[in-house]
Amino acid sequence: MDLKDKVAIVTGSATGVGAATALKLAGRGARVVVNYTRSEKEARETLSACEKAGAEAILVQADVAKDEDCRKLAQAAIDRWGRIELLVNNAGITKFADARDLSLLSGEDFLRIYAVNVVGAYQMTRACAPAMKAAGFGAVVNVSSIAGVMGVGSSIAYAASKGALNTMTLSLARALGPEIRVNAVCPGFIESRWLLEGYGREGYEALKKRYEETTPLGRAATPEKVAEAILFLLSGTELITGETLILDSGMHLGAAPLKAR
């Protein structure tokens, strides 16, 4: 599908997968809403990169955990361009907590993580759906995680939230067709500042090494590789909805056979 002049909102697009997705959309000629909650400097850099790629782009501060902010984000796109066709629910948070120590997570931790990772994606989809329905076309991609498939990752609360997001993807796909398709991507280890800051340099390098040694494909993802899959679900097909596309180098298949070195 030609993305030229399509209007896309990418939540949490200051850095990482969100920034990479915004830039790839810009490179395909889409009009992009760059969103951030706190990382204004990085978000402005993403905005500038989109504009340098020749795209029209705007910057909107909004916390997707707040319904009024979700509506503000959608309205900003409509006010500027009159429509919305594409939504990438990328904004997400976690609390890094060893799953073996249940005392590290509180009920408040769960509620905050769910507020962004699940409720935020729902509120954004709800805010954008009327414009998509009016256009007769829409595509939503939820950025989930292998954590939601395998129950692993930075914390139990994060894994549970991504499992909920995967289930919600199915529900929304049923509810919003035929005009709107809803899919999800489930990356494994991504080379990112987010994981580096969460695990620290030593923990990050150890986790990456183990991932590369034990997955069948033996390589970590980059934000750009995940963004490629997101663009495929946005524009590369018209017959896929309710899909959770796993991007984990085969991690979900179990340990890889021993490899010759």
C-alpha atoms as a PDB file:
ATOM      1  CA  MET A   1       0.000   0.000   0.000  1.00  0.00           C
ATOM      2  CA  ASP A   2       1.191   3.467  -0.846  1.00  0.00           C
ATOM      3  CA  LEU A   3       1.763   5.377   2.402  1.00  0.00           C
ATOM      4  CA  LYS A   4       2.218   8.780   0.780  1.00  0.00           C
ATOM      5  CA  ASP A   5       0.171  11.384   2.677  1.00  0.00           C
ATOM      6  CA  LYS A   6      -1.354   8.780   5.010  1.00  0.00           C
ATOM      7  CA  VAL A   7      -1.629  10.154   8.550  1.00  0.00           C
ATOM      8  CA  ALA A   8       0.126   8.092  11.214  1.00  0.00           C
ATOM      9  CA  ILE A   9       0.339   8.460  14.982  1.00  0.00           C
ATOM     10  CA  VAL A  10       3.221   6.688  16.720  1.00  0.00           C
ATOM     11  CA  THR A  11       3.009   6.799  20.509  1.00  0.00           C
ATOM     12  CA  GLY A  12       6.234   6.825  22.479  1.00  0.00           C
ATOM     13  CA  SER A  13       8.228   7.827  19.416  1.00  0.00           C
ATOM     14  CA  ALA A  14      11.042   9.808  21.024  1.00  0.00           C
ATOM     15  CA  THR A  15      13.467   6.881  21.024  1.00  0.00           C
ATOM     16  CA  GLY A  16      13.861   3.208  20.188  1.00  0.00           C
ATOM     17  CA  VAL A  17      11.270   1.309  18.172  1.00  0.00           C
ATOM     18  CA  GLY A  18       8.879   4.270  18.153  1.00  0.00           C
ATOM     19  CA  ALA A  19      11.465   6.648  16.707  1.00  0.00           C
ATOM     20  CA  ALA A  20      12.570   4.082  14.121  1.00  0.00           C
ATOM     21  CA  THR A  21       8.964   3.499  13.087  1.00  0.00           C
ATOM     22  CA  ALA A  22       8.221   7.211  12.780  1.00  0.00           C
ATOM     23  CA  LEU A  23      11.285   7.673  10.588  1.00  0.00           C
ATOM     24  CA  LYS A  24      10.433   4.733   8.323  1.00  0.00           C
ATOM     25  CA  LEU A  25       6.891   6.058   7.915  1.00  0.00           C
ATOM     26  CA  ALA A  26       8.305   9.472   7.052  1.00  0.00           C
ATOM     27  CA  GLY A  27      10.580   7.877   4.493  1.00  0.00           C
ATOM     28  CA  ARG A  28       7.548   6.309   2.836  1.00  0.00           C
ATOM     29  CA  GLY A  29       5.831   9.689   2.566  1.00  0.00           C
ATOM     30  CA  ALA A  30       3.428   9.415   5.497  1.00  0.00           C
ATOM     31  CA  ARG A  31       2.477  12.384   7.659  1.00  0.00           C
ATOM     32  CA  VAL A  32       3.619  11.594  11.181  1.00  0.00           C
ATOM     33  CA  VAL A  33       2.580  12.585  14.689  1.00  0.00           C
ATOM     34  CA  VAL A  34       5.594  12.165  16.962  1.00  0.00           C
ATOM     35  CA  ASN A  35       4.603  11.647  20.584  1.00  0.00           C
ATOM     36  CA  TYR A  36       6.468  11.744  23.875  1.00  0.00           C
ATOM     37  CA  THR A  37       5.666  11.886  27.574  1.00  0.00           C
ATOM     38  CA  ARG A  38       8.919  13.180  29.129  1.00  0.00           C
ATOM     39  CA  SER A  39      11.738  12.820  26.566  1.00  0.00           C
ATOM     40  CA  GLU A  40      11.216  16.140  24.783  1.00  0.00           C
ATOM     41  CA  LYS A  41      14.808  16.543  23.551  1.00  0.00           C
ATOM     42  CA  GLU A  42      14.857  13.115  21.899  1.00  0.00           C
ATOM     43  CA  ALA A  43      11.353  13.624  20.510  1.00  0.00           C
ATOM     44  CA  ARG A  44      12.416  16.865  18.833  1.00  0.00           C
ATOM     45  CA  GLU A  45      15.341  14.991  17.284  1.00  0.00           C
ATOM     46  CA  THR A  46      12.919  12.398  15.903  1.00  0.00           C
ATOM     47  CA  LEU A  47      10.692  15.170  14.571  1.00  0.00           C
ATOM     48  CA  SER A  48      13.659  16.819  12.863  1.00  0.00           C
ATOM     49  CA  ALA A  49      14.726  13.503  11.303  1.00  0.00           C
ATOM     50  CA  CYS A  50      11.210  12.957   9.921  1.00  0.00           C
ATOM     51  CA  GLU A  51      11.192  16.437   8.419  1.00  0.00           C
ATOM     52  CA  LYS A  52      14.637  15.905   6.909  1.00  0.00           C
ATOM     53  CA  ALA A  53      13.234  12.776   5.276  1.00  0.00           C
ATOM     54  CA  GLY A  54      10.764  15.054   3.496  1.00  0.00           C
ATOM     55  CA  ALA A  55       7.704  14.299   5.605  1.00  0.00           C
ATOM     56  CA  GLU A  56       5.201  16.569   7.263  1.00  0.00           C
ATOM     57  CA  ALA A  57       5.360  15.927  10.998  1.00  0.00           C
ATOM     58  CA  ILE A  58       4.135  17.423  14.251  1.00  0.00           C
ATOM     59  CA  LEU A  59       5.140  16.905  17.867  1.00  0.00           C
ATOM     60  CA  VAL A  60       2.561  16.275  20.605  1.00  0.00           C
ATOM     61  CA  GLN A  61       3.247  15.720  24.286  1.00  0.00           C
ATOM     62  CA  ALA A  62       0.757  13.255  25.763  1.00  0.00           C
ATOM     63  CA  ASP A  63       0.616  10.514  28.389  1.00  0.00           C
ATOM     64  CA  VAL A  64      -1.426   7.648  26.931  1.00  0.00           C
ATOM     65  CA  ALA A  65      -2.432   6.548  30.422  1.00  0.00           C
ATOM     66  CA  LYS A  66      -4.682   9.636  30.461  1.00  0.00           C
ATOM     67  CA  ASP A  67      -7.766   9.424  28.263  1.00  0.00           C
ATOM     68  CA  GLU A  68      -7.877  13.191  27.740  1.00  0.00           C
ATOM     69  CA  ASP A  69      -4.309  13.085  26.419  1.00  0.00           C
ATOM     70  CA  CYS A  70      -5.196  10.289  23.992  1.00  0.00           C
ATOM     71  CA  ARG A  71      -8.075  12.345  22.652  1.00  0.00           C
ATOM     72  CA  LYS A  72      -5.764  15.379  22.403  1.00  0.00           C
ATOM     73  CA  LEU A  73      -3.264  13.343  20.404  1.00  0.00           C
ATOM     74  CA  ALA A  74      -5.885  12.135  17.934  1.00  0.00           C
ATOM     75  CA  GLN A  75      -7.400  15.603  17.642  1.00  0.00           C
ATOM     76  CA  ALA A  76      -4.009  17.127  16.851  1.00  0.00           C
ATOM     77  CA  ALA A  77      -3.751  14.888  13.783  1.00  0.00           C
ATOM     78  CA  ILE A  78      -7.295  15.693  12.696  1.00  0.00           C
ATOM     79  CA  ASP A  79      -6.791  19.427  13.202  1.00  0.00           C
ATOM     80  CA  ARG A  80      -3.633  19.365  11.075  1.00  0.00           C
ATOM     81  CA  TRP A  81      -4.581  16.925   8.321  1.00  0.00           C
ATOM     82  CA  GLY A  82      -8.268  16.111   8.707  1.00  0.00           C
ATOM     83  CA  ARG A  83      -7.917  12.363   9.114  1.00  0.00           C
ATOM     84  CA  ILE A  84      -6.070   9.402  10.689  1.00  0.00           C
ATOM     85  CA  GLU A  85      -5.301   6.140   8.921  1.00  0.00           C
ATOM     86  CA  LEU A  86      -2.461   4.560  10.896  1.00  0.00           C
ATOM     87  CA  LEU A  87      -1.797   4.073  14.604  1.00  0.00           C
ATOM     88  CA  VAL A  88       1.197   2.444  16.262  1.00  0.00           C
ATOM     89  CA  ASN A  89       0.647   1.850  19.978  1.00  0.00           C
ATOM     90  CA  ASN A  90       4.297   1.760  20.965  1.00  0.00           C
ATOM     91  CA  ALA A  91       4.343   3.628  24.299  1.00  0.00           C
ATOM     92  CA  GLY A  92       5.218   1.262  27.099  1.00  0.00           C
ATOM     93  CA  ILE A  93       6.777   1.110  30.546  1.00  0.00           C
ATOM     94  CA  THR A  94       8.064  -1.523  32.928  1.00  0.00           C
ATOM     95  CA  LYS A  95       9.611  -1.996  36.327  1.00  0.00           C
ATOM     96  CA  PHE A  96      12.719  -4.163  36.266  1.00  0.00           C
ATOM     97  CA  ALA A  97      12.152  -6.752  38.993  1.00  0.00           C
ATOM     98  CA  ASP A  98      13.503 -10.267  39.449  1.00  0.00           C
ATOM     99  CA  ALA A  99      10.520 -12.597  39.003  1.00  0.00           C
ATOM    100  CA  ARG A 100      11.760 -14.829  41.834  1.00  0.00           C
ATOM    101  CA  ASP A 101      11.256 -12.069  44.403  1.00  0.00           C
ATOM    102  CA  LEU A 102       7.539 -11.297  44.529  1.00  0.00           C
ATOM    103  CA  SER A 103       8.097  -8.541  47.083  1.00  0.00           C
ATOM    104  CA  LEU A 104       9.623  -6.314  44.379  1.00  0.00           C
ATOM    105  CA  LEU A 105       6.262  -5.556  42.728  1.00  0.00           C
ATOM    106  CA  SER A 106       3.362  -3.740  44.356  1.00  0.00           C
ATOM    107  CA  GLY A 107      -0.241  -3.440  43.271  1.00  0.00           C
ATOM    108  CA  GLU A 108       0.534   0.145  42.299  1.00  0.00           C
ATOM    109  CA  ASP A 109       3.309  -1.107  40.006  1.00  0.00           C
ATOM    110  CA  PHE A 110       0.844  -3.370  38.204  1.00  0.00           C
ATOM    111  CA  LEU A 111      -1.732  -0.613  37.854  1.00  0.00           C
ATOM    112  CA  ARG A 112       0.745   1.906  36.426  1.00  0.00           C
ATOM    113  CA  ILE A 113       2.199  -0.607  33.962  1.00  0.00           C
ATOM    114  CA  TYR A 114      -1.263  -1.695  32.845  1.00  0.00           C
ATOM    115  CA  ALA A 115      -2.392   1.944  32.597  1.00  0.00           C
ATOM    116  CA  VAL A 116       0.217   2.621  29.907  1.00  0.00           C
ATOM    117  CA  ASN A 117       0.732  -0.748  28.216  1.00  0.00           C
ATOM    118  CA  VAL A 118      -2.893  -1.914  28.010  1.00  0.00           C
ATOM    119  CA  VAL A 119      -5.335   0.863  28.869  1.00  0.00           C
ATOM    120  CA  GLY A 120      -3.253   3.390  26.950  1.00  0.00           C
ATOM    121  CA  ALA A 121      -3.361   1.277  23.787  1.00  0.00           C
ATOM    122  CA  TYR A 122      -7.126   0.852  24.204  1.00  0.00           C
ATOM    123  CA  GLN A 123      -7.720   4.568  24.754  1.00  0.00           C
ATOM    124  CA  MET A 124      -5.596   5.514  21.736  1.00  0.00           C
ATOM    125  CA  THR A 125      -7.403   3.035  19.513  1.00  0.00           C
ATOM    126  CA  ARG A 126     -10.754   4.302  20.736  1.00  0.00           C
ATOM    127  CA  ALA A 127      -9.714   7.916  20.106  1.00  0.00           C
ATOM    128  CA  CYS A 128      -8.595   7.167  16.527  1.00  0.00           C
ATOM    129  CA  ALA A 129     -11.267   4.662  15.478  1.00  0.00           C
ATOM    130  CA  PRO A 130     -13.993   7.167  14.449  1.00  0.00           C
ATOM    131  CA  ALA A 131     -11.642   8.929  12.020  1.00  0.00           C
ATOM    132  CA  MET A 132     -10.482   5.596  10.613  1.00  0.00           C
ATOM    133  CA  LYS A 133     -14.051   4.379  10.216  1.00  0.00           C
ATOM    134  CA  ALA A 134     -14.984   7.624   8.467  1.00  0.00           C
ATOM    135  CA  ALA A 135     -12.070   7.156   6.066  1.00  0.00           C
ATOM    136  CA  GLY A 136     -13.159   3.580   5.396  1.00  0.00           C
ATOM    137  CA  PHE A 137      -9.683   2.349   6.235  1.00  0.00           C
ATOM    138  CA  GLY A 138      -7.421   2.037   9.247  1.00  0.00           C
ATOM    139  CA  ALA A 139      -4.551  -0.062  10.532  1.00  0.00           C
ATOM    140  CA  VAL A 140      -3.412  -0.381  14.141  1.00  0.00           C
ATOM    141  CA  VAL A 141      -0.247  -2.125  15.310  1.00  0.00           C
ATOM    142  CA  ASN A 142       0.278  -2.776  19.013  1.00  0.00           C
ATOM    143  CA  VAL A 143       3.916  -3.130  20.038  1.00  0.00           C
ATOM    144  CA  SER A 144       3.840  -6.072  22.415  1.00  0.00           C
ATOM    145  CA  SER A 145       6.653  -8.437  23.444  1.00  0.00           C
ATOM    146  CA  ILE A 146       7.716 -12.052  23.567  1.00  0.00           C
ATOM    147  CA  ALA A 147       7.230 -11.490  27.311  1.00  0.00           C
ATOM    148  CA  GLY A 148       3.483 -11.656  26.707  1.00  0.00           C
ATOM    149  CA  VAL A 149       3.804 -14.983  24.918  1.00  0.00           C
ATOM    150  CA  MET A 150       6.299 -16.746  27.189  1.00  0.00           C
ATOM    151  CA  GLY A 151       5.826 -15.043  30.566  1.00  0.00           C
ATOM    152  CA  VAL A 152       9.428 -13.800  30.680  1.00  0.00           C
ATOM    153  CA  GLY A 153      11.088 -10.395  30.594  1.00  0.00           C
ATOM    154  CA  SER A 154      11.778  -7.446  32.834  1.00  0.00           C
ATOM    155  CA  SER A 155       9.062  -8.271  35.374  1.00  0.00           C
ATOM    156  CA  ILE A 156       5.947 -10.342  35.922  1.00  0.00           C
ATOM    157  CA  ALA A 157       3.825  -7.191  35.716  1.00  0.00           C
ATOM    158  CA  TYR A 158       5.309  -6.313  32.318  1.00  0.00           C
ATOM    159  CA  ALA A 159       4.808  -9.843  30.959  1.00  0.00           C
ATOM    160  CA  ALA A 160       1.220  -9.889  32.208  1.00  0.00           C
ATOM    161  CA  SER A 161       0.506  -6.516  30.604  1.00  0.00           C
ATOM    162  CA  LYS A 162       1.831  -7.691  27.243  1.00  0.00           C
ATOM    163  CA  GLY A 163      -0.220 -10.877  27.473  1.00  0.00           C
ATOM    164  CA  ALA A 164      -3.256  -8.690  28.046  1.00  0.00           C
ATOM    165  CA  LEU A 165      -2.278  -6.533  25.071  1.00  0.00           C
ATOM    166  CA  ASN A 166      -2.088  -9.619  22.852  1.00  0.00           C
ATOM    167  CA  THR A 167      -5.572 -10.689  23.928  1.00  0.00           C
ATOM    168  CA  MET A 168      -6.914  -7.172  23.425  1.00  0.00           C
ATOM    169  CA  THR A 169      -5.469  -7.204  19.903  1.00  0.00           C
ATOM    170  CA  LEU A 170      -7.739 -10.153  19.104  1.00  0.00           C
ATOM    171  CA  SER A 171     -10.772  -8.475  20.654  1.00  0.00           C
ATOM    172  CA  LEU A 172     -10.215  -5.181  18.828  1.00  0.00           C
ATOM    173  CA  ALA A 173      -9.615  -6.954  15.517  1.00  0.00           C
ATOM    174  CA  ARG A 174     -13.026  -8.586  15.827  1.00  0.00           C
ATOM    175  CA  ALA A 175     -14.712  -5.391  16.985  1.00  0.00           C
ATOM    176  CA  LEU A 176     -13.318  -2.940  14.446  1.00  0.00           C
ATOM    177  CA  GLY A 177     -13.424  -4.864  11.162  1.00  0.00           C
ATOM    178  CA  PRO A 178     -13.959  -4.604   8.292  1.00  0.00           C
ATOM    179  CA  GLU A 179     -12.650  -1.028   8.072  1.00  0.00           C
ATOM    180  CA  ILE A 180      -9.863  -1.318  10.657  1.00  0.00           C
ATOM    181  CA  ARG A 181      -7.222  -4.016  10.958  1.00  0.00           C
ATOM    182  CA  VAL A 182      -5.553  -4.567  14.349  1.00  0.00           C
ATOM    183  CA  ASN A 183      -2.336  -6.563  14.776  1.00  0.00           C
ATOM    184  CA  ALA A 184       0.601  -6.801  17.161  1.00  0.00           C
ATOM    185  CA  VAL A 185       4.333  -7.422  16.993  1.00  0.00           C
ATOM    186  CA  CYS A 186       6.104  -9.376  19.728  1.00  0.00           C
ATOM    187  CA  PRO A 187       9.856  -8.684  19.665  1.00  0.00           C
ATOM    188  CA  GLY A 188      12.396 -10.531  21.754  1.00  0.00           C
ATOM    189  CA  PHE A 189      15.643  -8.887  22.837  1.00  0.00           C
ATOM    190  CA  ILE A 190      16.067  -5.468  21.214  1.00  0.00           C
ATOM    191  CA  GLU A 191      19.356  -3.582  21.213  1.00  0.00           C
ATOM    192  CA  SER A 192      18.081  -0.453  22.940  1.00  0.00           C
ATOM    193  CA  ARG A 193      18.828   2.208  25.511  1.00  0.00           C
ATOM    194  CA  TRP A 194      15.754   1.042  27.416  1.00  0.00           C
ATOM    195  CA  LEU A 195      17.200  -2.394  28.195  1.00  0.00           C
ATOM    196  CA  LEU A 196      20.693  -1.000  28.730  1.00  0.00           C
ATOM    197  CA  GLU A 197      19.428   1.414  31.375  1.00  0.00           C
ATOM    198  CA  GLY A 198      17.202  -1.226  32.960  1.00  0.00           C
ATOM    199  CA  TYR A 199      19.765  -4.003  33.296  1.00  0.00           C
ATOM    200  CA  GLY A 200      22.990  -1.975  33.417  1.00  0.00           C
ATOM    201  CA  ARG A 201      25.901  -2.550  31.040  1.00  0.00           C
ATOM    202  CA  GLU A 202      27.032  -5.864  32.533  1.00  0.00           C
ATOM    203  CA  GLY A 203      23.535  -7.324  32.753  1.00  0.00           C
ATOM    204  CA  TYR A 204      22.641  -6.095  29.276  1.00  0.00           C
ATOM    205  CA  GLU A 205      25.723  -7.642  27.669  1.00  0.00           C
ATOM    206  CA  ALA A 206      25.229 -10.934  29.496  1.00  0.00           C
ATOM    207  CA  LEU A 207      21.571 -11.133  28.477  1.00  0.00           C
ATOM    208  CA  LYS A 208      22.367 -10.301  24.854  1.00  0.00           C
ATOM    209  CA  LYS A 209      25.133 -12.913  24.729  1.00  0.00           C
ATOM    210  CA  ARG A 210      22.865 -15.612  26.153  1.00  0.00           C
ATOM    211  CA  TYR A 211      20.103 -14.652  23.719  1.00  0.00           C
ATOM    212  CA  GLU A 212      22.425 -14.837  20.737  1.00  0.00           C
ATOM    213  CA  GLU A 213      23.839 -18.182  21.856  1.00  0.00           C
ATOM    214  CA  THR A 214      20.517 -19.907  22.576  1.00  0.00           C
ATOM    215  CA  THR A 215      18.090 -18.730  19.875  1.00  0.00           C
ATOM    216  CA  PRO A 216      17.935 -20.576  16.529  1.00  0.00           C
ATOM    217  CA  LEU A 217      18.750 -17.447  14.500  1.00  0.00           C
ATOM    218  CA  GLY A 218      21.321 -16.235  16.979  1.00  0.00           C
ATOM    219  CA  ARG A 219      20.841 -12.500  16.692  1.00  0.00           C
ATOM    220  CA  ALA A 220      19.159  -9.713  18.621  1.00  0.00           C
ATOM    221  CA  ALA A 221      16.726  -7.296  17.037  1.00  0.00           C
ATOM    222  CA  THR A 222      17.327  -3.631  16.400  1.00  0.00           C
ATOM    223  CA  PRO A 223      14.645  -0.934  16.570  1.00  0.00           C
ATOM    224  CA  GLU A 224      14.879  -0.629  12.777  1.00  0.00           C
ATOM    225  CA  LYS A 225      14.195  -4.346  12.238  1.00  0.00           C
ATOM    226  CA  VAL A 226      11.131  -4.197  14.478  1.00  0.00           C
ATOM    227  CA  ALA A 227       9.970  -1.080  12.627  1.00  0.00           C
ATOM    228  CA  GLU A 228      10.192  -2.987   9.336  1.00  0.00           C
ATOM    229  CA  ALA A 229       7.756  -5.579  10.681  1.00  0.00           C
ATOM    230  CA  ILE A 230       5.435  -2.847  11.927  1.00  0.00           C
ATOM    231  CA  LEU A 231       5.383  -1.245   8.481  1.00  0.00           C
ATOM    232  CA  PHE A 232       4.606  -4.619   6.934  1.00  0.00           C
ATOM    233  CA  LEU A 233       1.518  -4.957   9.134  1.00  0.00           C
ATOM    234  CA  LEU A 234       0.508  -1.362   8.420  1.00  0.00           C
ATOM    235  CA  SER A 235       0.930  -1.437   4.675  1.00  0.00           C
ATOM    236  CA  GLY A 236       2.192  -4.730   3.308  1.00  0.00           C
ATOM    237  CA  THR A 237      -1.020  -6.704   3.505  1.00  0.00           C
ATOM    238  CA  GLU A 238      -4.762  -6.131   3.558  1.00  0.00           C
ATOM    239  CA  LEU A 239      -5.786  -9.614   4.725  1.00  0.00           C
ATOM    240  CA  ILE A 240      -4.137  -9.900   8.147  1.00  0.00           C
ATOM    241  CA  THR A 241      -5.930  -8.880  11.315  1.00  0.00           C
ATOM    242  CA  GLY A 242      -5.801 -10.193  14.869  1.00  0.00           C
ATOM    243  CA  GLU A 243      -2.257 -11.476  14.335  1.00  0.00           C
ATOM    244  CA  THR A 244       0.580 -11.413  16.872  1.00  0.00           C
ATOM    245  CA  LEU A 245       3.783 -11.525  14.833  1.00  0.00           C
ATOM    246  CA  ILE A 246       6.675 -12.938  16.856  1.00  0.00           C
ATOM    247  CA  LEU A 247      10.084 -11.362  16.152  1.00  0.00           C
ATOM    248  CA  ASP A 248      12.364 -13.252  18.516  1.00  0.00           C
ATOM    249  CA  SER A 249      14.945 -15.124  16.394  1.00  0.00           C
ATOM    250  CA  GLY A 250      13.081 -18.312  17.337  1.00  0.00           C
ATOM    251  CA  MET A 251      13.333 -17.876  21.115  1.00  0.00           C
ATOM    252  CA  HIS A 252       9.804 -19.247  21.561  1.00  0.00           C
ATOM    253  CA  LEU A 253      10.883 -22.518  19.896  1.00  0.00           C
ATOM    254  CA  GLY A 254      13.186 -23.392  22.777  1.00  0.00           C
ATOM    255  CA  ALA A 255      16.952 -23.623  23.042  1.00  0.00           C
ATOM    256  CA  ALA A 256      18.839 -23.808  19.773  1.00  0.00           C
ATOM    257  CA  PRO A 257      20.955 -26.876  18.935  1.00  0.00           C
ATOM    258  CA  LEU A 258      24.672 -26.543  19.582  1.00  0.00           C
ATOM    259  CA  LYS A 259      26.304 -24.495  16.858  1.00  0.00           C
ATOM    260  CA  ALA A 260      29.709 -25.045  15.357  1.00  0.00           C
ATOM    261  CA  ARG A 261      32.100 -22.209  16.127  1.00  0.00           C
END
